[in-house]
């Protein structure tokens, strides 16, 4: 079982959150980032633009601003809250490459 449906569900939740929070939407509008998620046997890429996830793909995208490397199990645990992001990072269960500001942006998804 792949993580695609779970990732799409998080993206849908993100879109609903943005649409229901005008301040968050205003904050996110100028952000344009490409994000890759390398899960070993699975890979996903997408762009954030105009406070919306665009071009979701089941492959890595070129020139990503943020690269998240983890396992499907660790990502699932992050998404359902059984693994805290900082703990995952400290225990090296997740690796994130990108500028600090870009990495901090990822918190908006959770």
PDB file of N, CA and C in Angstrom:
ATOM      1  N   UNK A   1       0.845  -1.184   0.000  1.00  0.00           N
ATOM      2  CA  UNK A   1       0.000   0.000   0.000  1.00  0.00           C
ATOM      3  C   UNK A   1       0.887   1.243   0.000  1.00  0.00           C
ATOM      4  N   UNK A   2       0.653   2.129  -0.928  1.00  0.00           N
ATOM      5  CA  UNK A   2       1.459   3.342  -1.019  1.00  0.00           C
ATOM      6  C   UNK A   2       0.881   4.432  -0.125  1.00  0.00           C
ATOM      7  N   UNK A   3       1.648   5.503   0.008  1.00  0.00           N
ATOM      8  CA  UNK A   3       1.249   6.647   0.818  1.00  0.00           C
ATOM      9  C   UNK A   3       0.462   7.690   0.018  1.00  0.00           C
ATOM     10  N   UNK A   4       0.260   7.457  -1.263  1.00  0.00           N
ATOM     11  CA  UNK A   4      -0.351   8.478  -2.120  1.00  0.00           C
ATOM     12  C   UNK A   4      -1.689   8.980  -1.585  1.00  0.00           C
ATOM     13  N   UNK A   5      -2.599   8.085  -1.232  1.00  0.00           N
ATOM     14  CA  UNK A   5      -3.919   8.526  -0.759  1.00  0.00           C
ATOM     15  C   UNK A   5      -3.818   9.303   0.547  1.00  0.00           C
ATOM     16  N   UNK A   6      -2.933   8.881   1.436  1.00  0.00           N
ATOM     17  CA  UNK A   6      -2.760   9.587   2.707  1.00  0.00           C
ATOM     18  C   UNK A   6      -2.171  10.983   2.490  1.00  0.00           C
ATOM     19  N   UNK A   7      -1.227  11.094   1.572  1.00  0.00           N
ATOM     20  CA  UNK A   7      -0.635  12.397   1.264  1.00  0.00           C
ATOM     21  C   UNK A   7      -1.697  13.300   0.626  1.00  0.00           C
ATOM     22  N   UNK A   8      -2.480  12.753  -0.278  1.00  0.00           N
ATOM     23  CA  UNK A   8      -3.563  13.540  -0.898  1.00  0.00           C
ATOM     24  C   UNK A   8      -4.562  14.013   0.164  1.00  0.00           C
ATOM     25  N   UNK A   9      -4.830  13.179   1.166  1.00  0.00           N
ATOM     26  CA  UNK A   9      -5.748  13.568   2.245  1.00  0.00           C
ATOM     27  C   UNK A   9      -5.170  14.728   3.055  1.00  0.00           C
ATOM     28  N   UNK A  10      -3.865  14.712   3.314  1.00  0.00           N
ATOM     29  CA  UNK A  10      -3.213  15.814   4.033  1.00  0.00           C
ATOM     30  C   UNK A  10      -3.271  17.087   3.194  1.00  0.00           C
ATOM     31  N   UNK A  11      -3.077  16.949   1.890  1.00  0.00           N
ATOM     32  CA  UNK A  11      -3.148  18.103   0.994  1.00  0.00           C
ATOM     33  C   UNK A  11      -4.566  18.682   1.008  1.00  0.00           C
ATOM     34  N   UNK A  12      -5.572  17.822   0.960  1.00  0.00           N
ATOM     35  CA  UNK A  12      -6.967  18.298   1.025  1.00  0.00           C
ATOM     36  C   UNK A  12      -7.229  19.031   2.339  1.00  0.00           C
ATOM     37  N   UNK A  13      -6.738  18.478   3.432  1.00  0.00           N
ATOM     38  CA  UNK A  13      -6.891  19.113   4.747  1.00  0.00           C
ATOM     39  C   UNK A  13      -6.203  20.478   4.761  1.00  0.00           C
ATOM     40  N   UNK A  14      -5.013  20.550   4.152  1.00  0.00           N
ATOM     41  CA  UNK A  14      -4.274  21.807   4.038  1.00  0.00           C
ATOM     42  C   UNK A  14      -5.098  22.834   3.266  1.00  0.00           C
ATOM     43  N   UNK A  15      -5.677  22.427   2.134  1.00  0.00           N
ATOM     44  CA  UNK A  15      -6.485  23.346   1.319  1.00  0.00           C
ATOM     45  C   UNK A  15      -7.683  23.873   2.111  1.00  0.00           C
ATOM     46  N   UNK A  16      -8.353  22.997   2.843  1.00  0.00           N
ATOM     47  CA  UNK A  16      -9.502  23.416   3.650  1.00  0.00           C
ATOM     48  C   UNK A  16      -9.079  24.389   4.751  1.00  0.00           C
ATOM     49  N   UNK A  17      -7.939  24.115   5.356  1.00  0.00           N
ATOM     50  CA  UNK A  17      -7.413  24.987   6.412  1.00  0.00           C
ATOM     51  C   UNK A  17      -7.108  26.370   5.848  1.00  0.00           C
ATOM     52  N   UNK A  18      -6.475  26.418   4.682  1.00  0.00           N
ATOM     53  CA  UNK A  18      -6.132  27.690   4.048  1.00  0.00           C
ATOM     54  C   UNK A  18      -7.399  28.470   3.685  1.00  0.00           C
ATOM     55  N   UNK A  19      -8.385  27.784   3.136  1.00  0.00           N
ATOM     56  CA  UNK A  19      -9.621  28.458   2.724  1.00  0.00           C
ATOM     57  C   UNK A  19     -10.429  28.969   3.911  1.00  0.00           C
ATOM     58  N   UNK A  20     -10.305  28.322   5.055  1.00  0.00           N
ATOM     59  CA  UNK A  20     -11.077  28.747   6.226  1.00  0.00           C
ATOM     60  C   UNK A  20     -10.347  29.769   7.094  1.00  0.00           C
ATOM     61  N   UNK A  21      -9.089  30.058   6.766  1.00  0.00           N
ATOM     62  CA  UNK A  21      -8.279  30.975   7.569  1.00  0.00           C
ATOM     63  C   UNK A  21      -7.676  32.054   6.667  1.00  0.00           C
ATOM     64  N   UNK A  22      -8.346  33.208   6.541  1.00  0.00           N
ATOM     65  CA  UNK A  22      -7.860  34.267   5.649  1.00  0.00           C
ATOM     66  C   UNK A  22      -6.447  34.757   5.989  1.00  0.00           C
ATOM     67  N   UNK A  23      -6.095  34.778   7.249  1.00  0.00           N
ATOM     68  CA  UNK A  23      -4.746  35.217   7.639  1.00  0.00           C
ATOM     69  C   UNK A  23      -3.692  34.234   7.148  1.00  0.00           C
ATOM     70  N   UNK A  24      -3.954  32.945   7.301  1.00  0.00           N
ATOM     71  CA  UNK A  24      -3.027  31.925   6.814  1.00  0.00           C
ATOM     72  C   UNK A  24      -2.897  32.014   5.303  1.00  0.00           C
ATOM     73  N   UNK A  25      -4.022  32.180   4.624  1.00  0.00           N
ATOM     74  CA  UNK A  25      -3.995  32.288   3.165  1.00  0.00           C
ATOM     75  C   UNK A  25      -3.148  33.487   2.729  1.00  0.00           C
ATOM     76  N   UNK A  26      -3.336  34.609   3.396  1.00  0.00           N
ATOM     77  CA  UNK A  26      -2.567  35.813   3.075  1.00  0.00           C
ATOM     78  C   UNK A  26      -1.071  35.574   3.296  1.00  0.00           C
ATOM     79  N   UNK A  27      -0.741  34.883   4.375  1.00  0.00           N
ATOM     80  CA  UNK A  27       0.660  34.576   4.690  1.00  0.00           C
ATOM     81  C   UNK A  27       1.285  33.655   3.647  1.00  0.00           C
ATOM     82  N   UNK A  28       0.510  32.720   3.126  1.00  0.00           N
ATOM     83  CA  UNK A  28       1.031  31.726   2.191  1.00  0.00           C
ATOM     84  C   UNK A  28       1.014  32.165   0.732  1.00  0.00           C
ATOM     85  N   UNK A  29       0.208  33.154   0.390  1.00  0.00           N
ATOM     86  CA  UNK A  29       0.062  33.577  -1.014  1.00  0.00           C
ATOM     87  C   UNK A  29       1.391  33.846  -1.724  1.00  0.00           C
ATOM     88  N   UNK A  30       2.360  34.533  -1.117  1.00  0.00           N
ATOM     89  CA  UNK A  30       3.590  34.822  -1.856  1.00  0.00           C
ATOM     90  C   UNK A  30       4.576  33.644  -1.958  1.00  0.00           C
ATOM     91  N   UNK A  31       4.299  32.557  -1.269  1.00  0.00           N
ATOM     92  CA  UNK A  31       5.240  31.431  -1.238  1.00  0.00           C
ATOM     93  C   UNK A  31       5.109  30.590  -2.497  1.00  0.00           C
ATOM     94  N   UNK A  32       6.261  30.333  -3.112  1.00  0.00           N
ATOM     95  CA  UNK A  32       6.341  29.458  -4.284  1.00  0.00           C
ATOM     96  C   UNK A  32       7.491  28.498  -4.039  1.00  0.00           C
ATOM     97  N   UNK A  33       7.165  27.251  -3.742  1.00  0.00           N
ATOM     98  CA  UNK A  33       8.176  26.249  -3.411  1.00  0.00           C
ATOM     99  C   UNK A  33       7.848  24.931  -4.083  1.00  0.00           C
ATOM    100  N   UNK A  34       8.893  24.189  -4.385  1.00  0.00           N
ATOM    101  CA  UNK A  34       8.758  22.831  -4.892  1.00  0.00           C
ATOM    102  C   UNK A  34       9.252  21.893  -3.800  1.00  0.00           C
ATOM    103  N   UNK A  35       8.461  20.870  -3.514  1.00  0.00           N
ATOM    104  CA  UNK A  35       8.776  19.943  -2.431  1.00  0.00           C
ATOM    105  C   UNK A  35       8.825  18.524  -2.982  1.00  0.00           C
ATOM    106  N   UNK A  36       9.885  17.805  -2.624  1.00  0.00           N
ATOM    107  CA  UNK A  36      10.008  16.391  -2.960  1.00  0.00           C
ATOM    108  C   UNK A  36       9.967  15.576  -1.692  1.00  0.00           C
ATOM    109  N   UNK A  37       9.286  14.437  -1.759  1.00  0.00           N
ATOM    110  CA  UNK A  37       9.243  13.499  -0.649  1.00  0.00           C
ATOM    111  C   UNK A  37       9.785  12.170  -1.146  1.00  0.00           C
ATOM    112  N   UNK A  38      10.981  11.837  -0.686  1.00  0.00           N
ATOM    113  CA  UNK A  38      11.643  10.596  -1.070  1.00  0.00           C
ATOM    114  C   UNK A  38      11.407   9.580   0.042  1.00  0.00           C
ATOM    115  N   UNK A  39      10.564   8.594  -0.232  1.00  0.00           N
ATOM    116  CA  UNK A  39      10.221   7.581   0.761  1.00  0.00           C
ATOM    117  C   UNK A  39      10.881   6.239   0.452  1.00  0.00           C
ATOM    118  N   UNK A  40      11.978   6.277  -0.275  1.00  0.00           N
ATOM    119  CA  UNK A  40      12.658   5.038  -0.647  1.00  0.00           C
ATOM    120  C   UNK A  40      11.985   4.416  -1.845  1.00  0.00           C
ATOM    121  N   UNK A  41      11.065   3.487  -1.591  1.00  0.00           N
ATOM    122  CA  UNK A  41      10.380   2.803  -2.689  1.00  0.00           C
ATOM    123  C   UNK A  41       9.283   3.650  -3.327  1.00  0.00           C
ATOM    124  N   UNK A  42       8.961   4.784  -2.716  1.00  0.00           N
ATOM    125  CA  UNK A  42       7.967   5.713  -3.257  1.00  0.00           C
ATOM    126  C   UNK A  42       8.580   7.107  -3.337  1.00  0.00           C
ATOM    127  N   UNK A  43       8.075   7.910  -4.259  1.00  0.00           N
ATOM    128  CA  UNK A  43       8.547   9.290  -4.377  1.00  0.00           C
ATOM    129  C   UNK A  43       7.384  10.170  -4.827  1.00  0.00           C
ATOM    130  N   UNK A  44       7.331  11.361  -4.238  1.00  0.00           N
ATOM    131  CA  UNK A  44       6.267  12.308  -4.556  1.00  0.00           C
ATOM    132  C   UNK A  44       6.862  13.699  -4.684  1.00  0.00           C
ATOM    133  N   UNK A  45       6.280  14.489  -5.534  1.00  0.00           N
ATOM    134  CA  UNK A  45       6.700  15.868  -5.699  1.00  0.00           C
ATOM    135  C   UNK A  45       5.488  16.750  -5.935  1.00  0.00           C
ATOM    136  N   UNK A  46       5.581  17.995  -5.485  1.00  0.00           N
ATOM    137  CA  UNK A  46       4.509  18.952  -5.717  1.00  0.00           C
ATOM    138  C   UNK A  46       5.029  20.365  -5.539  1.00  0.00           C
ATOM    139  N   UNK A  47       4.242  21.305  -6.038  1.00  0.00           N
ATOM    140  CA  UNK A  47       4.558  22.717  -5.900  1.00  0.00           C
ATOM    141  C   UNK A  47       3.521  23.381  -5.019  1.00  0.00           C
ATOM    142  N   UNK A  48       3.967  24.364  -4.265  1.00  0.00           N
ATOM    143  CA  UNK A  48       3.082  25.233  -3.506  1.00  0.00           C
ATOM    144  C   UNK A  48       3.126  26.588  -4.199  1.00  0.00           C
ATOM    145  N   UNK A  49       1.973  27.076  -4.597  1.00  0.00           N
ATOM    146  CA  UNK A  49       1.884  28.381  -5.248  1.00  0.00           C
ATOM    147  C   UNK A  49       0.482  28.926  -5.039  1.00  0.00           C
ATOM    148  N   UNK A  50       0.375  30.226  -4.757  1.00  0.00           N
ATOM    149  CA  UNK A  50      -0.921  30.867  -4.522  1.00  0.00           C
ATOM    150  C   UNK A  50      -1.686  30.174  -3.390  1.00  0.00           C
ATOM    151  N   UNK A  51      -0.961  29.759  -2.348  1.00  0.00           N
ATOM    152  CA  UNK A  51      -1.548  29.105  -1.168  1.00  0.00           C
ATOM    153  C   UNK A  51      -2.277  27.814  -1.537  1.00  0.00           C
ATOM    154  N   UNK A  52      -1.768  27.115  -2.556  1.00  0.00           N
ATOM    155  CA  UNK A  52      -2.418  25.910  -3.052  1.00  0.00           C
ATOM    156  C   UNK A  52      -1.353  24.907  -3.505  1.00  0.00           C
ATOM    157  N   UNK A  53      -1.591  23.631  -3.274  1.00  0.00           N
ATOM    158  CA  UNK A  53      -0.695  22.581  -3.773  1.00  0.00           C
ATOM    159  C   UNK A  53      -1.051  22.321  -5.228  1.00  0.00           C
ATOM    160  N   UNK A  54      -0.034  22.398  -6.073  1.00  0.00           N
ATOM    161  CA  UNK A  54      -0.238  22.200  -7.511  1.00  0.00           C
ATOM    162  C   UNK A  54       0.730  21.134  -8.016  1.00  0.00           C
ATOM    163  N   UNK A  55       0.385  20.546  -9.120  1.00  0.00           N
ATOM    164  CA  UNK A  55       1.243  19.579  -9.812  1.00  0.00           C
ATOM    165  C   UNK A  55       1.676  18.423  -8.928  1.00  0.00           C
ATOM    166  N   UNK A  56       0.796  17.852  -8.153  1.00  0.00           N
ATOM    167  CA  UNK A  56       1.144  16.680  -7.348  1.00  0.00           C
ATOM    168  C   UNK A  56       1.507  15.539  -8.283  1.00  0.00           C
ATOM    169  N   UNK A  57       2.673  14.940  -8.058  1.00  0.00           N
ATOM    170  CA  UNK A  57       3.153  13.849  -8.915  1.00  0.00           C
ATOM    171  C   UNK A  57       3.638  12.679  -8.073  1.00  0.00           C
ATOM    172  N   UNK A  58       3.634  11.517  -8.665  1.00  0.00           N
ATOM    173  CA  UNK A  58       4.170  10.333  -8.003  1.00  0.00           C
ATOM    174  C   UNK A  58       5.599  10.083  -8.461  1.00  0.00           C
ATOM    175  N   UNK A  59       6.351  11.180  -8.498  1.00  0.00           N
ATOM    176  CA  UNK A  59       7.773  11.155  -8.849  1.00  0.00           C
ATOM    177  C   UNK A  59       8.406  12.430  -8.306  1.00  0.00           C
ATOM    178  N   UNK A  60       9.722  12.416  -8.208  1.00  0.00           N
ATOM    179  CA  UNK A  60      10.430  13.604  -7.735  1.00  0.00           C
ATOM    180  C   UNK A  60      10.466  14.650  -8.835  1.00  0.00           C
ATOM    181  N   UNK A  61      10.451  15.902  -8.434  1.00  0.00           N
ATOM    182  CA  UNK A  61      10.483  17.014  -9.378  1.00  0.00           C
ATOM    183  C   UNK A  61      11.896  17.602  -9.426  1.00  0.00           C
ATOM    184  N   UNK A  62      12.237  18.224 -10.513  1.00  0.00           N
ATOM    185  CA  UNK A  62      13.547  18.862 -10.665  1.00  0.00           C
ATOM    186  C   UNK A  62      13.637  20.117  -9.804  1.00  0.00           C
ATOM    187  N   UNK A  63      14.838  20.396  -9.326  1.00  0.00           N
ATOM    188  CA  UNK A  63      15.154  21.637  -8.605  1.00  0.00           C
ATOM    189  C   UNK A  63      14.236  21.911  -7.412  1.00  0.00           C
ATOM    190  N   UNK A  64      14.033  20.926  -6.572  1.00  0.00           N
ATOM    191  CA  UNK A  64      13.171  21.100  -5.403  1.00  0.00           C
ATOM    192  C   UNK A  64      13.812  22.044  -4.388  1.00  0.00           C
ATOM    193  N   UNK A  65      12.980  22.880  -3.778  1.00  0.00           N
ATOM    194  CA  UNK A  65      13.444  23.775  -2.719  1.00  0.00           C
ATOM    195  C   UNK A  65      13.591  23.024  -1.399  1.00  0.00           C
ATOM    196  N   UNK A  66      12.729  22.026  -1.199  1.00  0.00           N
ATOM    197  CA  UNK A  66      12.725  21.233   0.026  1.00  0.00           C
ATOM    198  C   UNK A  66      12.698  19.757  -0.366  1.00  0.00           C
ATOM    199  N   UNK A  67      13.577  18.976   0.268  1.00  0.00           N
ATOM    200  CA  UNK A  67      13.599  17.536   0.037  1.00  0.00           C
ATOM    201  C   UNK A  67      13.431  16.845   1.389  1.00  0.00           C
ATOM    202  N   UNK A  68      12.367  16.073   1.502  1.00  0.00           N
ATOM    203  CA  UNK A  68      12.086  15.313   2.714  1.00  0.00           C
ATOM    204  C   UNK A  68      12.407  13.852   2.413  1.00  0.00           C
ATOM    205  N   UNK A  69      13.273  13.260   3.232  1.00  0.00           N
ATOM    206  CA  UNK A  69      13.645  11.862   3.058  1.00  0.00           C
ATOM    207  C   UNK A  69      13.280  11.109   4.327  1.00  0.00           C
ATOM    208  N   UNK A  70      12.469  10.093   4.183  1.00  0.00           N
ATOM    209  CA  UNK A  70      12.042   9.282   5.321  1.00  0.00           C
ATOM    210  C   UNK A  70      11.490   7.969   4.785  1.00  0.00           C
ATOM    211  N   UNK A  71      10.852   7.195   5.639  1.00  0.00           N
ATOM    212  CA  UNK A  71      10.201   5.961   5.213  1.00  0.00           C
ATOM    213  C   UNK A  71       8.688   6.169   5.211  1.00  0.00           C
ATOM    214  N   UNK A  72       7.953   5.336   4.492  1.00  0.00           N
ATOM    215  CA  UNK A  72       6.491   5.459   4.536  1.00  0.00           C
ATOM    216  C   UNK A  72       5.957   5.338   5.971  1.00  0.00           C
ATOM    217  N   UNK A  73       6.511   4.429   6.752  1.00  0.00           N
ATOM    218  CA  UNK A  73       6.056   4.242   8.135  1.00  0.00           C
ATOM    219  C   UNK A  73       6.274   5.503   8.971  1.00  0.00           C
ATOM    220  N   UNK A  74       7.451   6.110   8.864  1.00  0.00           N
ATOM    221  CA  UNK A  74       7.713   7.327   9.632  1.00  0.00           C
ATOM    222  C   UNK A  74       6.825   8.483   9.173  1.00  0.00           C
ATOM    223  N   UNK A  75       6.598   8.601   7.874  1.00  0.00           N
ATOM    224  CA  UNK A  75       5.722   9.658   7.371  1.00  0.00           C
ATOM    225  C   UNK A  75       4.294   9.450   7.881  1.00  0.00           C
ATOM    226  N   UNK A  76       3.835   8.214   7.849  1.00  0.00           N
ATOM    227  CA  UNK A  76       2.491   7.902   8.351  1.00  0.00           C
ATOM    228  C   UNK A  76       2.382   8.292   9.831  1.00  0.00           C
ATOM    229  N   UNK A  77       3.401   7.967  10.614  1.00  0.00           N
ATOM    230  CA  UNK A  77       3.399   8.306  12.043  1.00  0.00           C
ATOM    231  C   UNK A  77       3.448   9.816  12.268  1.00  0.00           C
ATOM    232  N   UNK A  78       4.168  10.538  11.426  1.00  0.00           N
ATOM    233  CA  UNK A  78       4.175  12.004  11.508  1.00  0.00           C
ATOM    234  C   UNK A  78       2.786  12.563  11.195  1.00  0.00           C
ATOM    235  N   UNK A  79       2.164  12.019  10.182  1.00  0.00           N
ATOM    236  CA  UNK A  79       0.874  12.530   9.742  1.00  0.00           C
ATOM    237  C   UNK A  79      -0.232  12.234  10.755  1.00  0.00           C
ATOM    238  N   UNK A  80      -0.161  11.102  11.451  1.00  0.00           N
ATOM    239  CA  UNK A  80      -1.215  10.783  12.411  1.00  0.00           C
ATOM    240  C   UNK A  80      -0.883  11.240  13.833  1.00  0.00           C
ATOM    241  N   UNK A  81       0.293  11.853  14.005  1.00  0.00           N
ATOM    242  CA  UNK A  81       0.641  12.449  15.289  1.00  0.00           C
ATOM    243  C   UNK A  81       1.310  11.527  16.288  1.00  0.00           C
ATOM    244  N   UNK A  82       1.577  10.284  15.910  1.00  0.00           N
ATOM    245  CA  UNK A  82       2.254   9.386  16.853  1.00  0.00           C
ATOM    246  C   UNK A  82       3.765   9.601  16.874  1.00  0.00           C
ATOM    247  N   UNK A  83       4.273  10.357  15.927  1.00  0.00           N
ATOM    248  CA  UNK A  83       5.693  10.738  15.905  1.00  0.00           C
ATOM    249  C   UNK A  83       5.755  12.254  15.742  1.00  0.00           C
ATOM    250  N   UNK A  84       6.373  12.909  16.687  1.00  0.00           N
ATOM    251  CA  UNK A  84       6.496  14.369  16.653  1.00  0.00           C
ATOM    252  C   UNK A  84       7.620  14.745  15.680  1.00  0.00           C
ATOM    253  N   UNK A  85       7.445  15.842  14.927  1.00  0.00           N
ATOM    254  CA  UNK A  85       8.447  16.241  13.933  1.00  0.00           C
ATOM    255  C   UNK A  85       9.854  16.430  14.505  1.00  0.00           C
ATOM    256  N   UNK A  86       9.972  17.096  15.647  1.00  0.00           N
ATOM    257  CA  UNK A  86      11.310  17.339  16.198  1.00  0.00           C
ATOM    258  C   UNK A  86      11.961  16.028  16.647  1.00  0.00           C
ATOM    259  N   UNK A  87      11.189  15.156  17.240  1.00  0.00           N
ATOM    260  CA  UNK A  87      11.715  13.857  17.663  1.00  0.00           C
ATOM    261  C   UNK A  87      12.184  13.060  16.451  1.00  0.00           C
ATOM    262  N   UNK A  88      11.391  13.079  15.382  1.00  0.00           N
ATOM    263  CA  UNK A  88      11.760  12.373  14.155  1.00  0.00           C
ATOM    264  C   UNK A  88      13.075  12.908  13.603  1.00  0.00           C
ATOM    265  N   UNK A  89      13.232  14.215  13.640  1.00  0.00           N
ATOM    266  CA  UNK A  89      14.453  14.840  13.132  1.00  0.00           C
ATOM    267  C   UNK A  89      15.655  14.475  13.997  1.00  0.00           C
ATOM    268  N   UNK A  90      15.503  14.587  15.318  1.00  0.00           N
ATOM    269  CA  UNK A  90      16.614  14.292  16.242  1.00  0.00           C
ATOM    270  C   UNK A  90      17.018  12.824  16.146  1.00  0.00           C
ATOM    271  N   UNK A  91      16.050  11.936  16.010  1.00  0.00           N
ATOM    272  CA  UNK A  91      16.339  10.505  15.926  1.00  0.00           C
ATOM    273  C   UNK A  91      16.716  10.065  14.509  1.00  0.00           C
ATOM    274  N   UNK A  92      16.825  11.034  13.606  1.00  0.00           N
ATOM    275  CA  UNK A  92      17.197  10.795  12.210  1.00  0.00           C
ATOM    276  C   UNK A  92      16.221   9.869  11.494  1.00  0.00           C
ATOM    277  N   UNK A  93      14.965   9.958  11.886  1.00  0.00           N
ATOM    278  CA  UNK A  93      13.926   9.204  11.194  1.00  0.00           C
ATOM    279  C   UNK A  93      13.421   9.983   9.990  1.00  0.00           C
ATOM    280  N   UNK A  94      13.815  11.248   9.934  1.00  0.00           N
ATOM    281  CA  UNK A  94      13.464  12.100   8.798  1.00  0.00           C
ATOM    282  C   UNK A  94      14.649  13.025   8.536  1.00  0.00           C
ATOM    283  N   UNK A  95      14.928  13.237   7.267  1.00  0.00           N
ATOM    284  CA  UNK A  95      15.964  14.193   6.862  1.00  0.00           C
ATOM    285  C   UNK A  95      15.284  15.235   5.989  1.00  0.00           C
ATOM    286  N   UNK A  96      15.640  16.481   6.240  1.00  0.00           N
ATOM    287  CA  UNK A  96      15.051  17.562   5.469  1.00  0.00           C
ATOM    288  C   UNK A  96      16.171  18.449   4.954  1.00  0.00           C
ATOM    289  N   UNK A  97      16.197  18.639   3.646  1.00  0.00           N
ATOM    290  CA  UNK A  97      17.165  19.535   3.028  1.00  0.00           C
ATOM    291  C   UNK A  97      16.425  20.740   2.488  1.00  0.00           C
ATOM    292  N   UNK A  98      16.966  21.896   2.788  1.00  0.00           N
ATOM    293  CA  UNK A  98      16.372  23.133   2.306  1.00  0.00           C
ATOM    294  C   UNK A  98      16.774  24.265   3.223  1.00  0.00           C
ATOM    295  N   UNK A  99      16.426  25.469   2.848  1.00  0.00           N
ATOM    296  CA  UNK A  99      16.692  26.628   3.690  1.00  0.00           C
ATOM    297  C   UNK A  99      15.826  26.536   4.939  1.00  0.00           C
ATOM    298  N   UNK A 100      16.311  27.080   6.042  1.00  0.00           N
ATOM    299  CA  UNK A 100      15.591  27.003   7.309  1.00  0.00           C
ATOM    300  C   UNK A 100      14.170  27.561   7.187  1.00  0.00           C
ATOM    301  N   UNK A 101      14.010  28.692   6.524  1.00  0.00           N
ATOM    302  CA  UNK A 101      12.680  29.274   6.344  1.00  0.00           C
ATOM    303  C   UNK A 101      11.757  28.327   5.577  1.00  0.00           C
ATOM    304  N   UNK A 102      12.315  27.646   4.582  1.00  0.00           N
ATOM    305  CA  UNK A 102      11.529  26.699   3.802  1.00  0.00           C
ATOM    306  C   UNK A 102      11.108  25.509   4.659  1.00  0.00           C
ATOM    307  N   UNK A 103      12.032  25.025   5.465  1.00  0.00           N
ATOM    308  CA  UNK A 103      11.743  23.885   6.330  1.00  0.00           C
ATOM    309  C   UNK A 103      10.662  24.248   7.346  1.00  0.00           C
ATOM    310  N   UNK A 104      10.744  25.435   7.914  1.00  0.00           N
ATOM    311  CA  UNK A 104       9.746  25.869   8.885  1.00  0.00           C
ATOM    312  C   UNK A 104       8.357  25.980   8.256  1.00  0.00           C
ATOM    313  N   UNK A 105       8.325  26.245   6.969  1.00  0.00           N
ATOM    314  CA  UNK A 105       7.064  26.318   6.236  1.00  0.00           C
ATOM    315  C   UNK A 105       6.299  24.997   6.308  1.00  0.00           C
ATOM    316  N   UNK A 106       7.027  23.875   6.372  1.00  0.00           N
ATOM    317  CA  UNK A 106       6.381  22.563   6.389  1.00  0.00           C
ATOM    318  C   UNK A 106       5.426  22.398   7.571  1.00  0.00           C
ATOM    319  N   UNK A 107       5.637  23.153   8.637  1.00  0.00           N
ATOM    320  CA  UNK A 107       4.749  23.057   9.793  1.00  0.00           C
ATOM    321  C   UNK A 107       3.311  23.410   9.437  1.00  0.00           C
ATOM    322  N   UNK A 108       3.131  24.189   8.409  1.00  0.00           N
ATOM    323  CA  UNK A 108       1.778  24.611   8.007  1.00  0.00           C
ATOM    324  C   UNK A 108       0.916  23.418   7.583  1.00  0.00           C
ATOM    325  N   UNK A 109       1.563  22.307   7.249  1.00  0.00           N
ATOM    326  CA  UNK A 109       0.824  21.137   6.806  1.00  0.00           C
ATOM    327  C   UNK A 109       0.275  20.312   7.970  1.00  0.00           C
ATOM    328  N   UNK A 110       0.812  20.533   9.164  1.00  0.00           N
ATOM    329  CA  UNK A 110       0.431  19.675  10.299  1.00  0.00           C
ATOM    330  C   UNK A 110      -0.239  20.441  11.397  1.00  0.00           C
TER     331      UNK A 110
END
